[in-house]
Amino acid sequence: MLNVTLELRCNVCGGERFLLPTLDETAQDIRCAGCSAFKCKSQDLERAMAAAGPRRGGRHLAL
């Protein structure tokens, strides 16, 4: 798992750090690095990031 900061917020603890699966991992869940709450599937994050395009003035993606 990769521990990264994203422009997202955890609905449980408000954290901005998330655990992303690497290519060789079978679990494709994105989880909060602080409290381990489920955020979304990696496919959903990829789709949302592609649709959002370039960074937009500090707004957080809604997943």
PDB file of N, CA and C in Angstrom:
ATOM      1  N   MET A   1       0.837  -1.183   0.000  1.00  0.00           N
ATOM      2  CA  MET A   1       0.000   0.000   0.000  1.00  0.00           C
ATOM      3  C   MET A   1       0.882   1.247   0.000  1.00  0.00           C
ATOM      4  N   LEU A   2       0.411   2.247  -0.697  1.00  0.00           N
ATOM      5  CA  LEU A   2       1.086   3.541  -0.718  1.00  0.00           C
ATOM      6  C   LEU A   2       0.321   4.498   0.183  1.00  0.00           C
ATOM      7  N   ASN A   3       1.023   5.236   1.029  1.00  0.00           N
ATOM      8  CA  ASN A   3       0.413   6.214   1.922  1.00  0.00           C
ATOM      9  C   ASN A   3       0.602   7.581   1.284  1.00  0.00           C
ATOM     10  N   VAL A   4      -0.494   8.190   0.795  1.00  0.00           N
ATOM     11  CA  VAL A   4      -0.397   9.447   0.054  1.00  0.00           C
ATOM     12  C   VAL A   4      -1.409  10.472   0.556  1.00  0.00           C
ATOM     13  N   THR A   5      -1.104  11.747   0.318  1.00  0.00           N
ATOM     14  CA  THR A   5      -2.035  12.832   0.605  1.00  0.00           C
ATOM     15  C   THR A   5      -2.832  13.112  -0.658  1.00  0.00           C
ATOM     16  N   LEU A   6      -4.148  13.138  -0.531  1.00  0.00           N
ATOM     17  CA  LEU A   6      -5.031  13.408  -1.663  1.00  0.00           C
ATOM     18  C   LEU A   6      -5.920  14.602  -1.339  1.00  0.00           C
ATOM     19  N   GLU A   7      -6.489  15.187  -2.361  1.00  0.00           N
ATOM     20  CA  GLU A   7      -7.452  16.266  -2.147  1.00  0.00           C
ATOM     21  C   GLU A   7      -8.821  15.663  -1.882  1.00  0.00           C
ATOM     22  N   LEU A   8      -8.877  14.835  -0.862  1.00  0.00           N
ATOM     23  CA  LEU A   8     -10.091  14.182  -0.384  1.00  0.00           C
ATOM     24  C   LEU A   8     -10.086  14.305   1.127  1.00  0.00           C
ATOM     25  N   ARG A   9     -11.211  14.093   1.730  1.00  0.00           N
ATOM     26  CA  ARG A   9     -11.296  14.058   3.188  1.00  0.00           C
ATOM     27  C   ARG A   9     -12.001  12.776   3.609  1.00  0.00           C
ATOM     28  N   CYS A  10     -11.509  12.199   4.690  1.00  0.00           N
ATOM     29  CA  CYS A  10     -12.156  11.030   5.272  1.00  0.00           C
ATOM     30  C   CYS A  10     -13.463  11.484   5.923  1.00  0.00           C
ATOM     31  N   ASN A  11     -14.547  10.769   5.666  1.00  0.00           N
ATOM     32  CA  ASN A  11     -15.843  11.103   6.260  1.00  0.00           C
ATOM     33  C   ASN A  11     -15.896  10.793   7.748  1.00  0.00           C
ATOM     34  N   VAL A  12     -14.975   9.972   8.235  1.00  0.00           N
ATOM     35  CA  VAL A  12     -14.987   9.568   9.636  1.00  0.00           C
ATOM     36  C   VAL A  12     -14.112  10.483  10.488  1.00  0.00           C
ATOM     37  N   CYS A  13     -12.830  10.652  10.092  1.00  0.00           N
ATOM     38  CA  CYS A  13     -11.899  11.413  10.933  1.00  0.00           C
ATOM     39  C   CYS A  13     -11.442  12.732  10.314  1.00  0.00           C
ATOM     40  N   GLY A  14     -11.799  12.995   9.055  1.00  0.00           N
ATOM     41  CA  GLY A  14     -11.399  14.242   8.404  1.00  0.00           C
ATOM     42  C   GLY A  14      -9.990  14.226   7.840  1.00  0.00           C
ATOM     43  N   GLY A  15      -9.318  13.091   7.894  1.00  0.00           N
ATOM     44  CA  GLY A  15      -7.946  12.987   7.396  1.00  0.00           C
ATOM     45  C   GLY A  15      -7.843  13.155   5.890  1.00  0.00           C
ATOM     46  N   GLU A  16      -6.648  13.536   5.431  1.00  0.00           N
ATOM     47  CA  GLU A  16      -6.384  13.711   4.000  1.00  0.00           C
ATOM     48  C   GLU A  16      -5.354  12.722   3.473  1.00  0.00           C
ATOM     49  N   ARG A  17      -4.876  11.820   4.327  1.00  0.00           N
ATOM     50  CA  ARG A  17      -3.904  10.803   3.912  1.00  0.00           C
ATOM     51  C   ARG A  17      -4.651   9.493   3.718  1.00  0.00           C
ATOM     52  N   PHE A  18      -4.330   8.838   2.595  1.00  0.00           N
ATOM     53  CA  PHE A  18      -5.034   7.612   2.239  1.00  0.00           C
ATOM     54  C   PHE A  18      -4.052   6.538   1.824  1.00  0.00           C
ATOM     55  N   LEU A  19      -4.476   5.288   1.993  1.00  0.00           N
ATOM     56  CA  LEU A  19      -3.694   4.134   1.573  1.00  0.00           C
ATOM     57  C   LEU A  19      -4.225   3.673   0.230  1.00  0.00           C
ATOM     58  N   LEU A  20      -3.343   3.680  -0.776  1.00  0.00           N
ATOM     59  CA  LEU A  20      -3.697   3.241  -2.124  1.00  0.00           C
ATOM     60  C   LEU A  20      -3.021   1.911  -2.405  1.00  0.00           C
ATOM     61  N   PRO A  21      -3.741   0.964  -3.007  1.00  0.00           N
ATOM     62  CA  PRO A  21      -3.139  -0.335  -3.318  1.00  0.00           C
ATOM     63  C   PRO A  21      -2.132  -0.218  -4.457  1.00  0.00           C
ATOM     64  N   THR A  22      -1.109  -1.059  -4.417  1.00  0.00           N
ATOM     65  CA  THR A  22      -0.156  -1.137  -5.522  1.00  0.00           C
ATOM     66  C   THR A  22      -0.682  -2.143  -6.537  1.00  0.00           C
ATOM     67  N   LEU A  23      -0.044  -2.220  -7.688  1.00  0.00           N
ATOM     68  CA  LEU A  23      -0.522  -3.091  -8.764  1.00  0.00           C
ATOM     69  C   LEU A  23      -0.579  -4.563  -8.380  1.00  0.00           C
ATOM     70  N   ASP A  24       0.328  -5.010  -7.513  1.00  0.00           N
ATOM     71  CA  ASP A  24       0.379  -6.433  -7.169  1.00  0.00           C
ATOM     72  C   ASP A  24      -0.562  -6.828  -6.032  1.00  0.00           C
ATOM     73  N   GLU A  25      -1.320  -5.895  -5.484  1.00  0.00           N
ATOM     74  CA  GLU A  25      -2.242  -6.208  -4.392  1.00  0.00           C
ATOM     75  C   GLU A  25      -3.623  -6.552  -4.942  1.00  0.00           C
ATOM     76  N   THR A  26      -4.263  -7.539  -4.331  1.00  0.00           N
ATOM     77  CA  THR A  26      -5.581  -7.952  -4.808  1.00  0.00           C
ATOM     78  C   THR A  26      -6.685  -7.018  -4.315  1.00  0.00           C
ATOM     79  N   ALA A  27      -6.570  -6.510  -3.103  1.00  0.00           N
ATOM     80  CA  ALA A  27      -7.575  -5.572  -2.573  1.00  0.00           C
ATOM     81  C   ALA A  27      -7.408  -4.230  -3.267  1.00  0.00           C
ATOM     82  N   GLN A  28      -8.479  -3.704  -3.810  1.00  0.00           N
ATOM     83  CA  GLN A  28      -8.425  -2.436  -4.536  1.00  0.00           C
ATOM     84  C   GLN A  28      -9.176  -1.333  -3.797  1.00  0.00           C
ATOM     85  N   ASP A  29      -9.235  -1.431  -2.463  1.00  0.00           N
ATOM     86  CA  ASP A  29      -9.915  -0.435  -1.645  1.00  0.00           C
ATOM     87  C   ASP A  29      -8.983   0.723  -1.316  1.00  0.00           C
ATOM     88  N   ILE A  30      -9.520   1.942  -1.392  1.00  0.00           N
ATOM     89  CA  ILE A  30      -8.820   3.131  -0.914  1.00  0.00           C
ATOM     90  C   ILE A  30      -9.313   3.341   0.510  1.00  0.00           C
ATOM     91  N   ARG A  31      -8.385   3.401   1.467  1.00  0.00           N
ATOM     92  CA  ARG A  31      -8.747   3.546   2.880  1.00  0.00           C
ATOM     93  C   ARG A  31      -8.009   4.719   3.502  1.00  0.00           C
ATOM     94  N   CYS A  32      -8.624   5.313   4.515  1.00  0.00           N
ATOM     95  CA  CYS A  32      -8.000   6.400   5.259  1.00  0.00           C
ATOM     96  C   CYS A  32      -6.766   5.852   5.979  1.00  0.00           C
ATOM     97  N   ALA A  33      -5.658   6.575   5.899  1.00  0.00           N
ATOM     98  CA  ALA A  33      -4.432   6.139   6.569  1.00  0.00           C
ATOM     99  C   ALA A  33      -4.530   6.332   8.078  1.00  0.00           C
ATOM    100  N   GLY A  34      -5.399   7.242   8.519  1.00  0.00           N
ATOM    101  CA  GLY A  34      -5.527   7.524   9.946  1.00  0.00           C
ATOM    102  C   GLY A  34      -6.423   6.554  10.691  1.00  0.00           C
ATOM    103  N   CYS A  35      -7.591   6.258  10.126  1.00  0.00           N
ATOM    104  CA  CYS A  35      -8.560   5.429  10.853  1.00  0.00           C
ATOM    105  C   CYS A  35      -8.962   4.163  10.101  1.00  0.00           C
ATOM    106  N   SER A  36      -8.432   3.949   8.909  1.00  0.00           N
ATOM    107  CA  SER A  36      -8.694   2.765   8.072  1.00  0.00           C
ATOM    108  C   SER A  36     -10.114   2.687   7.520  1.00  0.00           C
ATOM    109  N   ALA A  37     -10.868   3.776   7.600  1.00  0.00           N
ATOM    110  CA  ALA A  37     -12.231   3.773   7.049  1.00  0.00           C
ATOM    111  C   ALA A  37     -12.170   3.629   5.531  1.00  0.00           C
ATOM    112  N   PHE A  38     -13.102   2.865   4.973  1.00  0.00           N
ATOM    113  CA  PHE A  38     -13.199   2.694   3.529  1.00  0.00           C
ATOM    114  C   PHE A  38     -13.632   4.011   2.896  1.00  0.00           C
ATOM    115  N   LYS A  39     -12.949   4.424   1.814  1.00  0.00           N
ATOM    116  CA  LYS A  39     -13.336   5.636   1.085  1.00  0.00           C
ATOM    117  C   LYS A  39     -13.978   5.279  -0.244  1.00  0.00           C
ATOM    118  N   CYS A  40     -13.284   4.481  -1.064  1.00  0.00           N
ATOM    119  CA  CYS A  40     -13.812   4.116  -2.374  1.00  0.00           C
ATOM    120  C   CYS A  40     -12.956   3.003  -2.965  1.00  0.00           C
ATOM    121  N   LYS A  41     -13.337   2.539  -4.123  1.00  0.00           N
ATOM    122  CA  LYS A  41     -12.540   1.583  -4.887  1.00  0.00           C
ATOM    123  C   LYS A  41     -11.556   2.371  -5.744  1.00  0.00           C
ATOM    124  N   SER A  42     -10.417   1.785  -6.062  1.00  0.00           N
ATOM    125  CA  SER A  42      -9.398   2.490  -6.845  1.00  0.00           C
ATOM    126  C   SER A  42      -9.921   2.888  -8.221  1.00  0.00           C
ATOM    127  N   GLN A  43     -10.782   2.062  -8.832  1.00  0.00           N
ATOM    128  CA  GLN A  43     -11.370   2.410 -10.136  1.00  0.00           C
ATOM    129  C   GLN A  43     -12.184   3.697 -10.043  1.00  0.00           C
ATOM    130  N   ASP A  44     -12.945   3.847  -8.967  1.00  0.00           N
ATOM    131  CA  ASP A  44     -13.772   5.038  -8.790  1.00  0.00           C
ATOM    132  C   ASP A  44     -12.909   6.284  -8.611  1.00  0.00           C
ATOM    133  N   LEU A  45     -11.804   6.159  -7.881  1.00  0.00           N
ATOM    134  CA  LEU A  45     -10.887   7.288  -7.702  1.00  0.00           C
ATOM    135  C   LEU A  45     -10.272   7.681  -9.034  1.00  0.00           C
ATOM    136  N   GLU A  46      -9.852   6.699  -9.826  1.00  0.00           N
ATOM    137  CA  GLU A  46      -9.272   6.988 -11.141  1.00  0.00           C
ATOM    138  C   GLU A  46     -10.266   7.718 -12.037  1.00  0.00           C
ATOM    139  N   ARG A  47     -11.517   7.259 -12.051  1.00  0.00           N
ATOM    140  CA  ARG A  47     -12.552   7.921 -12.870  1.00  0.00           C
ATOM    141  C   ARG A  47     -12.798   9.354 -12.405  1.00  0.00           C
ATOM    142  N   ALA A  48     -12.891   9.570 -11.099  1.00  0.00           N
ATOM    143  CA  ALA A  48     -13.145  10.910 -10.559  1.00  0.00           C
ATOM    144  C   ALA A  48     -11.988  11.851 -10.866  1.00  0.00           C
ATOM    145  N   MET A  49     -10.753  11.358 -10.758  1.00  0.00           N
ATOM    146  CA  MET A  49      -9.588  12.200 -11.044  1.00  0.00           C
ATOM    147  C   MET A  49      -9.522  12.546 -12.527  1.00  0.00           C
ATOM    148  N   ALA A  50      -9.837  11.599 -13.392  1.00  0.00           N
ATOM    149  CA  ALA A  50      -9.825  11.860 -14.832  1.00  0.00           C
ATOM    150  C   ALA A  50     -10.901  12.873 -15.202  1.00  0.00           C
ATOM    151  N   ALA A  51     -12.075  12.761 -14.590  1.00  0.00           N
ATOM    152  CA  ALA A  51     -13.175  13.686 -14.883  1.00  0.00           C
ATOM    153  C   ALA A  51     -12.889  15.083 -14.350  1.00  0.00           C
ATOM    154  N   ALA A  52     -12.171  15.177 -13.226  1.00  0.00           N
ATOM    155  CA  ALA A  52     -11.881  16.472 -12.611  1.00  0.00           C
ATOM    156  C   ALA A  52     -10.864  17.261 -13.415  1.00  0.00           C
ATOM    157  N   GLY A  53     -10.010  16.571 -14.156  1.00  0.00           N
ATOM    158  CA  GLY A  53      -8.991  17.257 -14.946  1.00  0.00           C
ATOM    159  C   GLY A  53      -7.934  17.893 -14.065  1.00  0.00           C
ATOM    160  N   PRO A  54      -7.361  19.016 -14.519  1.00  0.00           N
ATOM    161  CA  PRO A  54      -6.308  19.687 -13.752  1.00  0.00           C
ATOM    162  C   PRO A  54      -6.819  20.179 -12.399  1.00  0.00           C
ATOM    163  N   ARG A  55      -5.886  20.371 -11.477  1.00  0.00           N
ATOM    164  CA  ARG A  55      -6.212  20.850 -10.129  1.00  0.00           C
ATOM    165  C   ARG A  55      -6.981  22.160 -10.195  1.00  0.00           C
ATOM    166  N   ARG A  56      -8.010  22.281  -9.358  1.00  0.00           N
ATOM    167  CA  ARG A  56      -8.883  23.454  -9.405  1.00  0.00           C
ATOM    168  C   ARG A  56      -8.922  24.192  -8.077  1.00  0.00           C
ATOM    169  N   GLY A  57      -7.981  25.036  -7.823  1.00  0.00           N
ATOM    170  CA  GLY A  57      -8.024  25.950  -6.688  1.00  0.00           C
ATOM    171  C   GLY A  57      -8.315  25.366  -5.319  1.00  0.00           C
ATOM    172  N   GLY A  58      -7.788  24.196  -5.013  1.00  0.00           N
ATOM    173  CA  GLY A  58      -7.907  23.653  -3.671  1.00  0.00           C
ATOM    174  C   GLY A  58      -9.225  22.977  -3.343  1.00  0.00           C
ATOM    175  N   ARG A  59     -10.086  22.767  -4.318  1.00  0.00           N
ATOM    176  CA  ARG A  59     -11.341  22.062  -4.052  1.00  0.00           C
ATOM    177  C   ARG A  59     -11.071  20.589  -3.815  1.00  0.00           C
ATOM    178  N   HIS A  60     -11.884  19.976  -3.001  1.00  0.00           N
ATOM    179  CA  HIS A  60     -11.760  18.549  -2.725  1.00  0.00           C
ATOM    180  C   HIS A  60     -12.724  17.772  -3.604  1.00  0.00           C
ATOM    181  N   LEU A  61     -12.253  16.646  -4.136  1.00  0.00           N
ATOM    182  CA  LEU A  61     -13.111  15.776  -4.934  1.00  0.00           C
ATOM    183  C   LEU A  61     -14.181  15.163  -4.043  1.00  0.00           C
ATOM    184  N   ALA A  62     -15.355  15.015  -4.565  1.00  0.00           N
ATOM    185  CA  ALA A  62     -16.440  14.373  -3.820  1.00  0.00           C
ATOM    186  C   ALA A  62     -16.610  12.950  -4.327  1.00  0.00           C
ATOM    187  N   LEU A  63     -16.336  11.986  -3.462  1.00  0.00           N
ATOM    188  CA  LEU A  63     -16.538  10.569  -3.797  1.00  0.00           C
ATOM    189  C   LEU A  63     -17.535   9.975  -2.842  1.00  0.00           C
TER     190      LEU A  63
END
